[in-house]
N, C-alpha and C. Protein backbone atom coordinates (compact mmCIF):
# COMPACT_ATOMS: atom_id res chain seq x y z
N MET A 1 8.23 7.81 6.23
CA MET A 1 9.49 7.12 6.68
C MET A 1 9.34 5.66 7.07
N ILE A 2 10.55 5.24 6.74
CA ILE A 2 10.47 3.70 7.17
C ILE A 2 11.52 3.46 8.75
N THR A 3 10.60 3.06 9.49
CA THR A 3 11.27 2.98 10.86
C THR A 3 11.86 1.59 11.13
N SER A 4 12.77 1.55 12.10
CA SER A 4 13.52 0.10 12.15
C SER A 4 12.19 -0.86 12.38
N LYS A 5 11.19 -0.63 13.17
CA LYS A 5 10.09 -1.77 13.19
C LYS A 5 9.36 -1.92 11.95
N ILE A 6 9.36 -1.10 10.90
CA ILE A 6 8.62 -1.21 9.62
C ILE A 6 9.64 -1.90 8.95
N LYS A 7 10.92 -1.54 8.96
CA LYS A 7 11.87 -2.35 8.12
C LYS A 7 12.19 -3.73 8.59
N LYS A 8 11.95 -4.09 9.79
CA LYS A 8 11.91 -5.62 10.40
C LYS A 8 10.74 -6.19 9.47
N ILE A 9 9.51 -5.54 9.50
CA ILE A 9 8.42 -6.32 9.09
C ILE A 9 8.66 -6.56 7.52
N ILE A 10 8.99 -5.43 6.89
CA ILE A 10 9.35 -5.54 5.21
C ILE A 10 10.46 -6.79 4.82
N GLU A 11 11.54 -6.74 5.61
CA GLU A 11 12.64 -7.79 5.27
C GLU A 11 12.26 -9.00 5.83
N ASN A 12 11.22 -9.46 6.57
CA ASN A 12 11.39 -10.60 7.10
C ASN A 12 9.92 -11.25 7.00
N ASN A 13 8.76 -10.66 5.69
CA ASN A 13 7.55 -11.10 5.54
C ASN A 13 7.57 -11.02 3.74
N PRO A 14 6.49 -11.81 3.27
CA PRO A 14 6.45 -11.59 1.73
C PRO A 14 5.60 -10.17 1.92
N ILE A 15 5.59 -9.59 0.81
CA ILE A 15 5.03 -8.49 0.41
C ILE A 15 4.22 -8.50 -0.88
N ALA A 16 2.90 -7.58 -0.73
CA ALA A 16 2.26 -7.51 -1.99
C ALA A 16 2.60 -6.12 -2.62
N LEU A 17 2.99 -6.39 -3.95
CA LEU A 17 3.25 -5.26 -4.58
C LEU A 17 2.05 -5.07 -5.80
N ALA A 18 1.88 -3.97 -5.94
CA ALA A 18 0.60 -3.43 -6.85
C ALA A 18 1.41 -2.29 -7.70
N THR A 19 0.87 -2.60 -9.02
CA THR A 19 1.35 -1.81 -9.98
C THR A 19 -0.08 -1.66 -11.02
N CYS A 20 0.09 -0.92 -11.85
CA CYS A 20 -1.17 -0.35 -12.77
C CYS A 20 -0.69 0.31 -14.25
N ALA A 21 -1.44 -0.23 -15.12
CA ALA A 21 -1.01 0.23 -16.45
C ALA A 21 -2.30 0.63 -17.02
N LYS A 22 -2.73 1.28 -17.94
CA LYS A 22 -3.97 1.63 -18.99
C LYS A 22 -4.98 0.97 -17.70
N ASN A 23 -5.38 1.82 -16.61
CA ASN A 23 -6.06 1.30 -15.59
C ASN A 23 -6.55 -0.12 -15.65
N LYS A 24 -5.31 -0.76 -15.40
CA LYS A 24 -5.60 -2.22 -15.17
C LYS A 24 -4.56 -2.72 -13.87
N PRO A 25 -5.12 -2.59 -12.80
CA PRO A 25 -4.21 -3.13 -11.68
C PRO A 25 -3.68 -4.55 -11.86
N HIS A 26 -2.48 -4.79 -11.33
CA HIS A 26 -1.96 -5.95 -10.98
C HIS A 26 -1.40 -6.00 -9.75
N VAL A 27 -1.55 -7.31 -9.36
CA VAL A 27 -0.61 -7.24 -7.75
C VAL A 27 -0.24 -8.72 -7.86
N ILE A 28 1.04 -8.91 -7.13
CA ILE A 28 1.79 -10.03 -6.81
C ILE A 28 2.16 -10.08 -5.53
N ALA A 29 2.93 -11.20 -5.19
CA ALA A 29 3.71 -11.28 -4.01
C ALA A 29 5.26 -11.35 -4.03
N VAL A 30 5.96 -10.60 -3.29
CA VAL A 30 7.39 -10.79 -3.67
C VAL A 30 8.14 -10.93 -2.31
N ALA A 31 9.25 -11.47 -2.51
CA ALA A 31 10.47 -11.56 -1.15
C ALA A 31 11.47 -10.94 -1.82
N ASN A 32 12.56 -11.16 -1.35
CA ASN A 32 13.92 -10.47 -1.62
C ASN A 32 13.88 -8.99 -1.49
N VAL A 33 13.25 -8.19 -0.41
CA VAL A 33 13.03 -6.83 -0.46
C VAL A 33 14.02 -6.62 0.63
N LYS A 34 14.63 -5.51 0.13
CA LYS A 34 15.59 -4.86 1.25
C LYS A 34 15.37 -3.29 1.51
N VAL A 35 15.44 -2.68 2.68
CA VAL A 35 15.12 -1.28 2.81
C VAL A 35 16.56 -0.70 2.70
N ILE A 36 16.80 0.25 2.05
CA ILE A 36 18.29 0.77 1.74
C ILE A 36 18.46 2.22 2.12
N GLY A 37 17.36 2.71 2.71
CA GLY A 37 17.19 4.02 3.59
C GLY A 37 15.88 4.36 4.02
N LYS A 38 15.91 5.55 4.49
CA LYS A 38 14.47 5.84 5.48
C LYS A 38 13.46 5.91 4.48
N ASP A 39 13.53 6.21 3.28
CA ASP A 39 12.42 6.24 1.99
C ASP A 39 12.66 5.58 1.04
N THR A 40 13.61 4.37 0.91
CA THR A 40 14.06 3.81 -0.29
C THR A 40 13.99 2.36 -0.18
N VAL A 41 13.59 1.45 -0.93
CA VAL A 41 13.12 -0.23 -0.97
C VAL A 41 13.90 -0.53 -2.30
N VAL A 42 14.44 -1.62 -2.08
CA VAL A 42 14.74 -2.31 -3.22
C VAL A 42 14.30 -3.82 -3.51
N ILE A 43 13.63 -4.09 -4.83
CA ILE A 43 12.85 -5.29 -4.76
C ILE A 43 13.73 -5.98 -6.14
N THR A 44 14.17 -7.33 -6.18
CA THR A 44 14.40 -8.06 -6.93
C THR A 44 13.09 -8.50 -7.81
N ASP A 45 13.77 -8.35 -9.36
CA ASP A 45 12.96 -8.95 -10.22
C ASP A 45 13.48 -10.36 -10.50
N ASN A 46 12.88 -11.47 -10.11
CA ASN A 46 13.23 -12.99 -10.83
C ASN A 46 12.48 -13.28 -11.69
N LEU A 47 11.46 -13.12 -11.48
CA LEU A 47 10.49 -13.76 -12.80
C LEU A 47 9.27 -12.65 -13.15
N MET A 48 9.50 -11.43 -12.96
CA MET A 48 8.28 -10.28 -13.14
C MET A 48 8.23 -9.98 -14.88
N LYS A 49 6.96 -9.95 -15.16
CA LYS A 49 6.96 -9.64 -16.92
C LYS A 49 5.91 -8.46 -16.54
N THR A 50 4.60 -8.63 -15.98
CA THR A 50 3.58 -7.68 -16.16
C THR A 50 4.28 -6.50 -15.30
N CYS A 51 4.65 -6.76 -13.99
CA CYS A 51 5.14 -5.77 -13.24
C CYS A 51 6.25 -4.90 -13.69
N LYS A 52 7.14 -5.55 -14.42
CA LYS A 52 8.16 -4.85 -15.13
C LYS A 52 7.63 -3.93 -16.31
N ASN A 53 6.57 -4.29 -16.79
CA ASN A 53 6.13 -3.66 -18.03
C ASN A 53 5.12 -2.49 -17.54
N ASN A 54 4.35 -2.81 -16.38
CA ASN A 54 3.75 -1.83 -15.66
C ASN A 54 4.55 -0.50 -15.17
N ILE A 55 5.53 -0.97 -14.63
CA ILE A 55 6.60 0.32 -13.87
C ILE A 55 7.21 1.24 -14.90
N LEU A 56 7.30 0.39 -16.38
CA LEU A 56 8.15 1.28 -17.19
C LEU A 56 7.05 2.19 -17.72
N LYS A 57 5.77 1.87 -17.75
CA LYS A 57 4.65 2.64 -18.19
C LYS A 57 3.91 3.84 -17.19
N ASN A 58 4.07 3.29 -15.89
CA ASN A 58 3.59 4.10 -14.86
C ASN A 58 4.39 3.74 -13.67
N HIS A 59 4.92 4.74 -12.81
CA HIS A 59 6.20 4.59 -11.98
C HIS A 59 5.40 4.39 -10.43
N ASN A 60 3.94 4.73 -10.43
CA ASN A 60 3.29 4.64 -9.18
C ASN A 60 2.89 3.17 -8.72
N ILE A 61 3.51 2.86 -7.77
CA ILE A 61 3.18 1.54 -6.81
C ILE A 61 2.78 1.50 -5.44
N ALA A 62 2.33 0.42 -5.08
CA ALA A 62 1.82 0.20 -3.89
C ALA A 62 2.30 -0.99 -3.27
N LEU A 63 2.93 -0.93 -2.00
CA LEU A 63 3.14 -2.27 -1.22
C LEU A 63 2.39 -2.36 0.10
N ALA A 64 1.91 -3.48 0.42
CA ALA A 64 1.53 -3.97 1.59
C ALA A 64 2.05 -4.89 2.38
N VAL A 65 2.37 -4.66 3.53
CA VAL A 65 3.08 -5.79 4.37
C VAL A 65 2.50 -6.01 5.48
N TRP A 66 2.84 -7.41 6.07
CA TRP A 66 2.11 -7.67 7.39
C TRP A 66 2.83 -8.83 7.91
N ASP A 67 3.01 -8.96 9.61
CA ASP A 67 3.65 -9.97 10.12
C ASP A 67 2.37 -10.90 10.35
N LYS A 68 2.87 -12.14 11.04
CA LYS A 68 1.92 -13.20 11.64
C LYS A 68 0.89 -12.72 12.60
N LYS A 69 1.22 -11.29 13.30
CA LYS A 69 0.35 -10.99 14.48
C LYS A 69 -0.38 -9.77 13.75
N TRP A 70 -0.55 -9.70 12.41
CA TRP A 70 -1.28 -8.93 11.60
C TRP A 70 -1.03 -7.44 11.81
N ASP A 71 0.45 -7.05 12.26
CA ASP A 71 0.89 -5.78 12.47
C ASP A 71 1.26 -5.65 11.10
N GLY A 72 0.99 -4.39 10.31
CA GLY A 72 1.34 -4.20 9.09
C GLY A 72 1.04 -2.53 8.19
N TYR A 73 1.53 -2.60 7.21
CA TYR A 73 1.69 -1.10 6.69
C TYR A 73 1.48 -1.04 5.19
N ARG A 74 0.88 -0.26 4.51
CA ARG A 74 0.79 0.20 3.44
C ARG A 74 1.91 1.22 2.96
N LEU A 75 2.42 1.12 1.79
CA LEU A 75 3.54 2.12 1.44
C LEU A 75 3.09 2.41 -0.03
N LYS A 76 3.27 3.62 -0.43
CA LYS A 76 3.15 4.12 -1.70
C LYS A 76 4.33 4.90 -2.05
N GLY A 77 4.42 4.68 -3.41
CA GLY A 77 5.81 5.36 -3.85
C GLY A 77 5.69 5.35 -5.59
N GLU A 78 7.13 5.88 -5.71
CA GLU A 78 7.45 5.49 -7.24
C GLU A 78 8.70 4.86 -7.64
N ALA A 79 8.44 3.87 -8.45
CA ALA A 79 9.36 2.79 -8.79
C ALA A 79 10.34 3.38 -10.22
N GLU A 80 11.53 2.69 -10.20
CA GLU A 80 12.26 2.64 -11.01
C GLU A 80 12.81 1.54 -11.70
N TYR A 81 12.86 0.85 -12.61
CA TYR A 81 13.43 -0.38 -13.05
C TYR A 81 14.74 -0.43 -13.54
N PHE A 82 15.54 -1.27 -13.33
CA PHE A 82 17.09 -1.39 -13.57
C PHE A 82 17.26 -2.83 -13.95
N ASP A 83 17.63 -2.85 -15.39
CA ASP A 83 18.22 -4.02 -15.67
C ASP A 83 19.55 -4.39 -15.90
N LYS A 84 20.47 -3.33 -15.59
CA LYS A 84 21.76 -3.19 -15.63
C LYS A 84 22.42 -1.80 -14.61
N GLY A 85 23.84 -2.20 -14.37
CA GLY A 85 24.46 -0.98 -13.29
C GLY A 85 24.01 -1.80 -12.28
N LYS A 86 24.48 -0.24 -11.05
CA LYS A 86 24.72 -0.83 -9.56
C LYS A 86 23.51 -1.49 -8.89
N TRP A 87 22.39 -1.22 -9.28
CA TRP A 87 21.21 -1.87 -8.46
C TRP A 87 20.70 -3.14 -8.89
N LEU A 88 21.37 -3.70 -10.22
CA LEU A 88 21.20 -5.23 -10.50
C LEU A 88 22.13 -5.61 -10.03
N ASP A 89 23.62 -5.23 -9.75
CA ASP A 89 24.50 -5.80 -9.26
C ASP A 89 24.33 -5.74 -7.73
N PHE A 90 23.48 -5.02 -7.17
CA PHE A 90 23.20 -4.97 -5.59
C PHE A 90 22.54 -6.26 -5.38
N VAL A 91 21.41 -6.35 -6.12
CA VAL A 91 20.43 -7.68 -6.16
C VAL A 91 21.24 -8.97 -6.36
N LYS A 92 21.90 -8.84 -7.22
CA LYS A 92 22.57 -10.14 -7.74
C LYS A 92 23.51 -10.55 -6.56
N LYS A 93 23.77 -9.68 -5.85
CA LYS A 93 25.04 -9.90 -4.59
C LYS A 93 24.06 -10.42 -3.23
N MET A 94 22.64 -10.22 -3.12
CA MET A 94 22.09 -10.49 -2.12
C MET A 94 21.97 -12.06 -1.46
N LYS A 95 22.31 -12.48 -0.53
CA LYS A 95 22.44 -14.01 -0.47
C LYS A 95 20.98 -14.39 -0.58
N GLU A 96 19.94 -13.79 -0.47
CA GLU A 96 18.50 -14.19 -0.72
C GLU A 96 18.58 -14.60 -2.10
N ASN A 97 19.14 -14.15 -3.02
CA ASN A 97 18.72 -14.24 -4.60
C ASN A 97 20.05 -15.48 -5.09
N LYS A 98 20.57 -16.00 -4.14
CA LYS A 98 21.41 -17.12 -4.67
C LYS A 98 20.91 -18.10 -5.05
N GLY A 99 21.08 -18.47 -6.45
CA GLY A 99 20.34 -19.57 -6.98
C GLY A 99 19.42 -19.06 -7.75
N TYR A 100 18.87 -17.84 -7.90
CA TYR A 100 18.02 -17.14 -8.60
C TYR A 100 18.32 -16.38 -9.73
N LEU A 101 17.61 -15.94 -10.87
CA LEU A 101 18.00 -15.25 -11.93
C LEU A 101 18.47 -13.96 -11.57
N ALA A 102 17.66 -13.08 -10.85
CA ALA A 102 17.96 -11.81 -10.63
C ALA A 102 17.98 -11.11 -11.75
N LYS A 103 17.03 -10.60 -12.75
CA LYS A 103 16.99 -10.39 -13.87
C LYS A 103 16.63 -8.59 -13.78
N GLY A 104 16.34 -8.06 -12.84
CA GLY A 104 16.48 -6.63 -12.87
C GLY A 104 16.16 -6.25 -11.16
N ALA A 105 16.17 -5.05 -11.02
CA ALA A 105 16.19 -4.57 -9.64
C ALA A 105 15.02 -3.33 -9.91
N ILE A 106 14.23 -3.34 -8.83
CA ILE A 106 13.06 -2.33 -8.67
C ILE A 106 13.48 -1.43 -7.43
N LEU A 107 13.74 -0.26 -7.84
CA LEU A 107 14.36 0.80 -6.69
C LEU A 107 12.91 1.69 -6.35
N ILE A 108 12.51 1.91 -5.27
CA ILE A 108 11.35 2.46 -5.10
C ILE A 108 11.40 3.34 -3.67
N LYS A 109 11.36 4.82 -4.20
CA LYS A 109 10.93 5.90 -3.55
C LYS A 109 9.66 6.15 -2.64
N ILE A 110 9.90 5.82 -1.34
CA ILE A 110 8.49 5.72 -0.91
C ILE A 110 8.09 7.34 -0.31
N ASN A 111 6.83 7.54 -0.67
CA ASN A 111 6.37 8.96 -0.09
C ASN A 111 5.13 8.79 0.87
N GLU A 112 4.64 7.62 0.91
CA GLU A 112 3.55 7.60 2.03
C GLU A 112 3.85 6.35 2.60
N VAL A 113 3.59 6.12 4.03
CA VAL A 113 3.56 4.92 5.01
C VAL A 113 2.40 5.14 5.93
N VAL A 114 1.39 4.15 5.73
CA VAL A 114 0.21 4.01 6.47
C VAL A 114 -0.05 2.81 7.16
N LYS A 115 -0.23 2.84 8.35
CA LYS A 115 -0.31 1.85 9.51
C LYS A 115 -1.79 1.06 8.69
N LEU A 116 -1.66 -0.48 8.73
CA LEU A 116 -2.93 -1.09 8.41
C LEU A 116 -3.95 -1.26 9.70
N GLY A 117 -4.95 -1.47 9.38
CA GLY A 117 -5.81 -1.69 10.66
C GLY A 117 -6.96 -0.38 10.93
């Protein structure tokens, strides 16, 4: 479950997003992440190619996030990619995406949260 403390860390720090397809892991740094429920996160796709393709082939993902004091969490879940509809509309309306392409939205259902360290 994503607590208010974890939500604050997620929404105020860059996040490492890890995907995998055909046994080849891929990790990138992302921003413009919103917690939209106790177990749900949405990430904007502004310039993702490999992550998008990996998610379409394998829905399992992992996130790592930490603040400047090294307080952080690893989150695992299942992702779904949207290039149209309400979730794309949602990320396009985020003030953080003003001036960015916002090509898609990645909706993640979190099923595990582990404190780092």
